[in-house]
PDB file of all heavy atoms in Angstrom:
ATOM      1  N   GLY A   1      54.532 -47.637  45.964  1.00  0.00           N
ATOM      2  CA  GLY A   1      55.717 -47.830  45.125  1.00  0.00           C
ATOM      3  C   GLY A   1      57.020 -47.208  45.826  1.00  0.00           C
ATOM      4  O   GLY A   1      58.080 -47.654  45.796  1.00  0.00           O
ATOM      5  N   HIS A   2      56.663 -46.059  46.391  1.00  0.00           N
ATOM      6  CA  HIS A   2      57.827 -45.300  47.116  1.00  0.00           C
ATOM      7  C   HIS A   2      58.319 -46.064  48.399  1.00  0.00           C
ATOM      8  O   HIS A   2      59.433 -46.189  48.637  1.00  0.00           O
ATOM      9  CB  HIS A   2      57.397 -43.902  47.539  1.00  0.00           C
ATOM     10  CG  HIS A   2      58.357 -43.144  48.223  1.00  0.00           C
ATOM     11  ND1 HIS A   2      58.575 -43.027  49.524  1.00  0.00           N
ATOM     12  CD2 HIS A   2      59.488 -42.279  47.696  1.00  0.00           C
ATOM     13  CE1 HIS A   2      59.639 -42.278  49.921  1.00  0.00           C
ATOM     14  NE2 HIS A   2      60.172 -41.839  48.711  1.00  0.00           N
ATOM     15  N   GLU A   3      57.378 -46.488  49.211  1.00  0.00           N
ATOM     16  CA  GLU A   3      57.673 -47.138  50.445  1.00  0.00           C
ATOM     17  C   GLU A   3      58.331 -48.597  50.117  1.00  0.00           C
ATOM     18  O   GLU A   3      59.132 -49.017  50.945  1.00  0.00           O
ATOM     19  CB  GLU A   3      56.448 -47.397  51.290  1.00  0.00           C
ATOM     20  CG  GLU A   3      55.893 -46.084  51.741  1.00  0.00           C
ATOM     21  CD  GLU A   3      56.868 -45.153  52.692  1.00  0.00           C
ATOM     22  OE1 GLU A   3      57.678 -45.930  53.413  1.00  0.00           O
ATOM     23  OE2 GLU A   3      57.082 -44.125  52.536  1.00  0.00           O
ATOM     24  N   PHE A   4      57.960 -49.219  49.021  1.00  0.00           N
ATOM     25  CA  PHE A   4      58.480 -50.471  48.650  1.00  0.00           C
ATOM     26  C   PHE A   4      60.021 -50.426  48.113  1.00  0.00           C
ATOM     27  O   PHE A   4      60.720 -51.285  48.333  1.00  0.00           O
ATOM     28  CB  PHE A   4      57.620 -51.207  47.718  1.00  0.00           C
ATOM     29  CG  PHE A   4      56.406 -52.039  48.234  1.00  0.00           C
ATOM     30  CD1 PHE A   4      55.412 -52.175  47.498  1.00  0.00           C
ATOM     31  CD2 PHE A   4      56.488 -52.324  49.574  1.00  0.00           C
ATOM     32  CE1 PHE A   4      54.223 -52.782  47.961  1.00  0.00           C
ATOM     33  CE2 PHE A   4      55.430 -52.953  50.064  1.00  0.00           C
ATOM     34  CZ  PHE A   4      54.192 -53.189  49.405  1.00  0.00           C
ATOM     35  N   ARG A   5      60.179 -49.312  47.555  1.00  0.00           N
ATOM     36  CA  ARG A   5      61.531 -49.188  46.841  1.00  0.00           C
ATOM     37  C   ARG A   5      62.845 -49.381  47.950  1.00  0.00           C
ATOM     38  O   ARG A   5      63.711 -49.974  47.547  1.00  0.00           O
ATOM     39  CB  ARG A   5      61.731 -47.895  46.177  1.00  0.00           C
ATOM     40  CG  ARG A   5      60.864 -47.746  44.877  1.00  0.00           C
ATOM     41  CD  ARG A   5      61.051 -46.445  44.344  1.00  0.00           C
ATOM     42  NE  ARG A   5      62.376 -46.100  43.909  1.00  0.00           N
ATOM     43  CZ  ARG A   5      62.795 -46.136  42.604  1.00  0.00           C
ATOM     44  NH1 ARG A   5      61.920 -46.395  41.734  1.00  0.00           N
ATOM     45  NH2 ARG A   5      64.075 -45.904  42.286  1.00  0.00           N
ATOM     46  N   THR A   6      62.586 -48.803  49.046  1.00  0.00           N
ATOM     47  CA  THR A   6      63.698 -48.809  50.040  1.00  0.00           C
ATOM     48  C   THR A   6      63.892 -50.344  50.624  1.00  0.00           C
ATOM     49  O   THR A   6      65.074 -50.858  50.459  1.00  0.00           O
ATOM     50  CB  THR A   6      63.465 -47.901  51.181  1.00  0.00           C
ATOM     51  OG1 THR A   6      63.220 -46.499  50.725  1.00  0.00           O
ATOM     52  CG2 THR A   6      64.545 -48.046  52.204  1.00  0.00           C
ATOM     53  N   PRO A   7      62.945 -50.981  51.036  1.00  0.00           N
ATOM     54  CA  PRO A   7      63.193 -52.325  51.502  1.00  0.00           C
ATOM     55  C   PRO A   7      63.649 -53.293  50.337  1.00  0.00           C
ATOM     56  O   PRO A   7      64.398 -54.158  50.482  1.00  0.00           O
ATOM     57  CB  PRO A   7      61.913 -52.857  52.118  1.00  0.00           C
ATOM     58  CG  PRO A   7      60.857 -51.817  51.626  1.00  0.00           C
ATOM     59  CD  PRO A   7      61.522 -50.551  51.388  1.00  0.00           C
ATOM     60  N   ILE A   8      63.097 -53.057  49.145  1.00  0.00           N
ATOM     61  CA  ILE A   8      63.456 -53.910  47.964  1.00  0.00           C
ATOM     62  C   ILE A   8      64.928 -53.742  47.642  1.00  0.00           C
ATOM     63  O   ILE A   8      65.661 -54.643  47.344  1.00  0.00           O
ATOM     64  CB  ILE A   8      62.536 -53.682  46.784  1.00  0.00           C
ATOM     65  CG1 ILE A   8      61.106 -54.112  47.045  1.00  0.00           C
ATOM     66  CG2 ILE A   8      63.070 -54.265  45.522  1.00  0.00           C
ATOM     67  CD1 ILE A   8      60.122 -53.723  46.026  1.00  0.00           C
ATOM     68  N   THR A   9      65.324 -52.436  47.713  1.00  0.00           N
ATOM     69  CA  THR A   9      66.742 -52.144  47.425  1.00  0.00           C
ATOM     70  C   THR A   9      67.587 -52.792  48.418  1.00  0.00           C
ATOM     71  O   THR A   9      68.646 -53.434  47.987  1.00  0.00           O
ATOM     72  CB  THR A   9      66.985 -50.615  47.432  1.00  0.00           C
ATOM     73  OG1 THR A   9      66.047 -49.975  46.525  1.00  0.00           O
ATOM     74  CG2 THR A   9      68.472 -50.343  47.110  1.00  0.00           C
ATOM     75  N   SER A  10      67.163 -52.809  49.723  1.00  0.00           N
ATOM     76  CA  SER A  10      67.997 -53.491  50.731  1.00  0.00           C
ATOM     77  C   SER A  10      68.023 -55.065  50.393  1.00  0.00           C
ATOM     78  O   SER A  10      69.146 -55.680  50.703  1.00  0.00           O
ATOM     79  CB  SER A  10      67.413 -53.138  52.001  1.00  0.00           C
ATOM     80  OG  SER A  10      67.429 -51.784  52.403  1.00  0.00           O
ATOM     81  N   MET A  11      66.873 -55.560  50.111  1.00  0.00           N
ATOM     82  CA  MET A  11      66.845 -57.011  49.880  1.00  0.00           C
ATOM     83  C   MET A  11      67.799 -57.401  48.717  1.00  0.00           C
ATOM     84  O   MET A  11      68.343 -58.443  48.627  1.00  0.00           O
ATOM     85  CB  MET A  11      65.409 -57.507  49.673  1.00  0.00           C
ATOM     86  CG  MET A  11      64.555 -57.540  51.002  1.00  0.00           C
ATOM     87  SD  MET A  11      62.888 -58.344  50.769  1.00  0.00           S
ATOM     88  CE  MET A  11      62.155 -57.113  49.768  1.00  0.00           C
ATOM     89  N   LEU A  12      67.723 -56.521  47.587  1.00  0.00           N
ATOM     90  CA  LEU A  12      68.641 -56.766  46.502  1.00  0.00           C
ATOM     91  C   LEU A  12      70.032 -56.882  46.848  1.00  0.00           C
ATOM     92  O   LEU A  12      70.857 -57.794  46.404  1.00  0.00           O
ATOM     93  CB  LEU A  12      68.298 -55.717  45.307  1.00  0.00           C
ATOM     94  CG  LEU A  12      66.968 -55.863  44.618  1.00  0.00           C
ATOM     95  CD1 LEU A  12      66.769 -54.810  43.686  1.00  0.00           C
ATOM     96  CD2 LEU A  12      67.033 -57.156  43.789  1.00  0.00           C
ATOM     97  N   LEU A  13      70.472 -55.902  47.699  1.00  0.00           N
ATOM     98  CA  LEU A  13      71.885 -55.873  48.190  1.00  0.00           C
ATOM     99  C   LEU A  13      72.196 -57.147  49.018  1.00  0.00           C
ATOM    100  O   LEU A  13      73.309 -57.738  48.756  1.00  0.00           O
ATOM    101  CB  LEU A  13      72.145 -54.641  49.057  1.00  0.00           C
ATOM    102  CG  LEU A  13      72.081 -53.221  48.277  1.00  0.00           C
ATOM    103  CD1 LEU A  13      72.129 -52.020  49.274  1.00  0.00           C
ATOM    104  CD2 LEU A  13      73.148 -53.254  47.249  1.00  0.00           C
ATOM    105  N   LEU A  14      71.212 -57.546  49.745  1.00  0.00           N
ATOM    106  CA  LEU A  14      71.493 -58.797  50.506  1.00  0.00           C
ATOM    107  C   LEU A  14      71.592 -60.074  49.608  1.00  0.00           C
ATOM    108  O   LEU A  14      72.388 -60.947  49.915  1.00  0.00           O
ATOM    109  CB  LEU A  14      70.382 -59.001  51.542  1.00  0.00           C
ATOM    110  CG  LEU A  14      70.327 -57.942  52.818  1.00  0.00           C
ATOM    111  CD1 LEU A  14      68.994 -58.094  53.602  1.00  0.00           C
ATOM    112  CD2 LEU A  14      71.537 -58.091  53.587  1.00  0.00           C
ATOM    113  N   VAL A  15      70.632 -60.046  48.536  1.00  0.00           N
ATOM    114  CA  VAL A  15      70.752 -61.158  47.690  1.00  0.00           C
ATOM    115  C   VAL A  15      72.074 -61.228  47.004  1.00  0.00           C
ATOM    116  O   VAL A  15      72.602 -62.273  46.721  1.00  0.00           O
ATOM    117  CB  VAL A  15      69.635 -61.033  46.632  1.00  0.00           C
ATOM    118  CG1 VAL A  15      69.700 -61.967  45.549  1.00  0.00           C
ATOM    119  CG2 VAL A  15      68.201 -61.284  47.317  1.00  0.00           C
ATOM    120  N   GLU A  16      72.576 -60.063  46.559  1.00  0.00           N
ATOM    121  CA  GLU A  16      73.843 -60.025  45.907  1.00  0.00           C
ATOM    122  C   GLU A  16      74.935 -60.587  46.728  1.00  0.00           C
ATOM    123  O   GLU A  16      75.963 -61.204  46.313  1.00  0.00           O
ATOM    124  CB  GLU A  16      74.148 -58.546  45.407  1.00  0.00           C
ATOM    125  CG  GLU A  16      73.286 -58.003  44.368  1.00  0.00           C
ATOM    126  CD  GLU A  16      73.482 -58.963  43.095  1.00  0.00           C
ATOM    127  OE1 GLU A  16      74.624 -59.312  42.830  1.00  0.00           O
ATOM    128  OE2 GLU A  16      72.588 -59.231  42.322  1.00  0.00           O
ATOM    129  N   LYS A  17      74.933 -60.119  48.129  1.00  0.00           N
ATOM    130  CA  LYS A  17      75.908 -60.594  49.116  1.00  0.00           C
ATOM    131  C   LYS A  17      75.874 -62.119  49.266  1.00  0.00           C
ATOM    132  O   LYS A  17      76.884 -62.878  49.134  1.00  0.00           O
ATOM    133  CB  LYS A  17      75.873 -59.919  50.415  1.00  0.00           C
ATOM    134  CG  LYS A  17      76.130 -58.529  50.310  1.00  0.00           C
ATOM    135  CD  LYS A  17      75.987 -57.973  51.850  1.00  0.00           C
ATOM    136  CE  LYS A  17      76.362 -56.424  51.775  1.00  0.00           C
ATOM    137  NZ  LYS A  17      76.265 -55.860  53.135  1.00  0.00           N
ATOM    138  N   LEU A  18      74.622 -62.581  49.302  1.00  0.00           N
ATOM    139  CA  LEU A  18      74.410 -64.102  49.512  1.00  0.00           C
ATOM    140  C   LEU A  18      74.796 -64.827  48.164  1.00  0.00           C
ATOM    141  O   LEU A  18      75.309 -66.024  48.235  1.00  0.00           O
ATOM    142  CB  LEU A  18      72.998 -64.372  49.827  1.00  0.00           C
ATOM    143  CG  LEU A  18      72.603 -64.016  51.211  1.00  0.00           C
ATOM    144  CD1 LEU A  18      71.059 -64.283  51.461  1.00  0.00           C
ATOM    145  CD2 LEU A  18      73.463 -64.759  52.301  1.00  0.00           C
ATOM    146  N   ASN A  19      74.608 -64.142  47.064  1.00  0.00           N
ATOM    147  CA  ASN A  19      74.945 -64.841  45.718  1.00  0.00           C
ATOM    148  C   ASN A  19      76.413 -65.079  45.653  1.00  0.00           C
ATOM    149  O   ASN A  19      76.780 -66.038  45.054  1.00  0.00           O
ATOM    150  CB  ASN A  19      74.479 -63.869  44.655  1.00  0.00           C
ATOM    151  CG  ASN A  19      74.573 -64.647  43.327  1.00  0.00           C
ATOM    152  OD1 ASN A  19      74.135 -65.818  43.305  1.00  0.00           O
ATOM    153  ND2 ASN A  19      74.928 -63.961  42.246  1.00  0.00           N
ATOM    154  N   LYS A  20      77.350 -64.263  46.296  1.00  0.00           N
ATOM    155  CA  LYS A  20      78.705 -64.566  46.246  1.00  0.00           C
ATOM    156  C   LYS A  20      79.095 -65.797  47.004  1.00  0.00           C
ATOM    157  O   LYS A  20      80.154 -66.399  46.685  1.00  0.00           O
ATOM    158  CB  LYS A  20      79.391 -63.278  46.896  1.00  0.00           C
ATOM    159  CG  LYS A  20      79.204 -62.082  46.011  1.00  0.00           C
ATOM    160  CD  LYS A  20      80.000 -60.897  46.769  1.00  0.00           C
ATOM    161  CE  LYS A  20      79.726 -59.531  45.981  1.00  0.00           C
ATOM    162  NZ  LYS A  20      80.488 -58.395  46.641  1.00  0.00           N
ATOM    163  N   ARG A  21      78.160 -66.275  47.874  1.00  0.00           N
ATOM    164  CA  ARG A  21      78.549 -67.470  48.609  1.00  0.00           C
ATOM    165  C   ARG A  21      77.599 -68.613  48.136  1.00  0.00           C
ATOM    166  O   ARG A  21      77.370 -69.556  48.910  1.00  0.00           O
ATOM    167  CB  ARG A  21      78.233 -67.239  50.146  1.00  0.00           C
ATOM    168  CG  ARG A  21      79.192 -66.111  50.686  1.00  0.00           C
ATOM    169  CD  ARG A  21      78.929 -65.996  52.130  1.00  0.00           C
ATOM    170  NE  ARG A  21      79.686 -64.915  52.649  1.00  0.00           N
ATOM    171  CZ  ARG A  21      79.802 -64.459  53.995  1.00  0.00           C
ATOM    172  NH1 ARG A  21      79.013 -65.095  54.856  1.00  0.00           N
ATOM    173  NH2 ARG A  21      80.518 -63.479  54.593  1.00  0.00           N
ATOM    174  N   PHE A  22      77.089 -68.403  46.960  1.00  0.00           N
ATOM    175  CA  PHE A  22      76.202 -69.347  46.442  1.00  0.00           C
ATOM    176  C   PHE A  22      76.795 -70.820  46.419  1.00  0.00           C
ATOM    177  O   PHE A  22      76.149 -71.908  46.694  1.00  0.00           O
ATOM    178  CB  PHE A  22      75.679 -68.988  45.065  1.00  0.00           C
ATOM    179  CG  PHE A  22      74.538 -69.870  44.473  1.00  0.00           C
ATOM    180  CD1 PHE A  22      73.280 -69.766  44.854  1.00  0.00           C
ATOM    181  CD2 PHE A  22      74.986 -70.822  43.484  1.00  0.00           C
ATOM    182  CE1 PHE A  22      72.332 -70.662  44.246  1.00  0.00           C
ATOM    183  CE2 PHE A  22      73.946 -71.662  42.958  1.00  0.00           C
ATOM    184  CZ  PHE A  22      72.682 -71.606  43.297  1.00  0.00           C
ATOM    185  N   ASP A  23      77.989 -70.890  45.998  1.00  0.00           N
ATOM    186  CA  ASP A  23      78.709 -72.321  45.788  1.00  0.00           C
ATOM    187  C   ASP A  23      79.024 -72.954  47.106  1.00  0.00           C
ATOM    188  O   ASP A  23      79.072 -74.200  47.178  1.00  0.00           O
ATOM    189  CB  ASP A  23      80.042 -72.032  44.964  1.00  0.00           C
ATOM    190  CG  ASP A  23      79.733 -71.550  43.634  1.00  0.00           C
ATOM    191  OD1 ASP A  23      78.813 -71.739  43.093  1.00  0.00           O
ATOM    192  OD2 ASP A  23      80.831 -70.908  43.250  1.00  0.00           O
ATOM    193  N   LYS A  24      78.890 -72.227  48.217  1.00  0.00           N
ATOM    194  CA  LYS A  24      79.116 -72.837  49.528  1.00  0.00           C
ATOM    195  C   LYS A  24      77.822 -73.326  50.281  1.00  0.00           C
ATOM    196  O   LYS A  24      77.919 -73.977  51.206  1.00  0.00           O
ATOM    197  CB  LYS A  24      79.800 -71.859  50.363  1.00  0.00           C
ATOM    198  CG  LYS A  24      81.309 -71.373  49.873  1.00  0.00           C
ATOM    199  CD  LYS A  24      81.816 -70.465  50.930  1.00  0.00           C
ATOM    200  CE  LYS A  24      83.195 -69.980  50.427  1.00  0.00           C
ATOM    201  NZ  LYS A  24      83.796 -68.923  51.243  1.00  0.00           N
ATOM    202  N   MET A  25      76.628 -72.971  49.538  1.00  0.00           N
ATOM    203  CA  MET A  25      75.367 -73.373  50.157  1.00  0.00           C
ATOM    204  C   MET A  25      75.100 -74.860  49.837  1.00  0.00           C
ATOM    205  O   MET A  25      75.477 -75.391  48.825  1.00  0.00           O
ATOM    206  CB  MET A  25      74.280 -72.483  49.520  1.00  0.00           C
ATOM    207  CG  MET A  25      74.374 -71.058  49.962  1.00  0.00           C
ATOM    208  SD  MET A  25      73.041 -70.124  49.211  1.00  0.00           S
ATOM    209  CE  MET A  25      73.544 -68.451  49.549  1.00  0.00           C
TER     210      MET A  25
END
């Protein structure tokens, strides 16, 4: 649980960034 939290948090940030460009996909 501890080791997964860091990469999951990073992936959530990346998902949020990509989500801003969702309409251009």
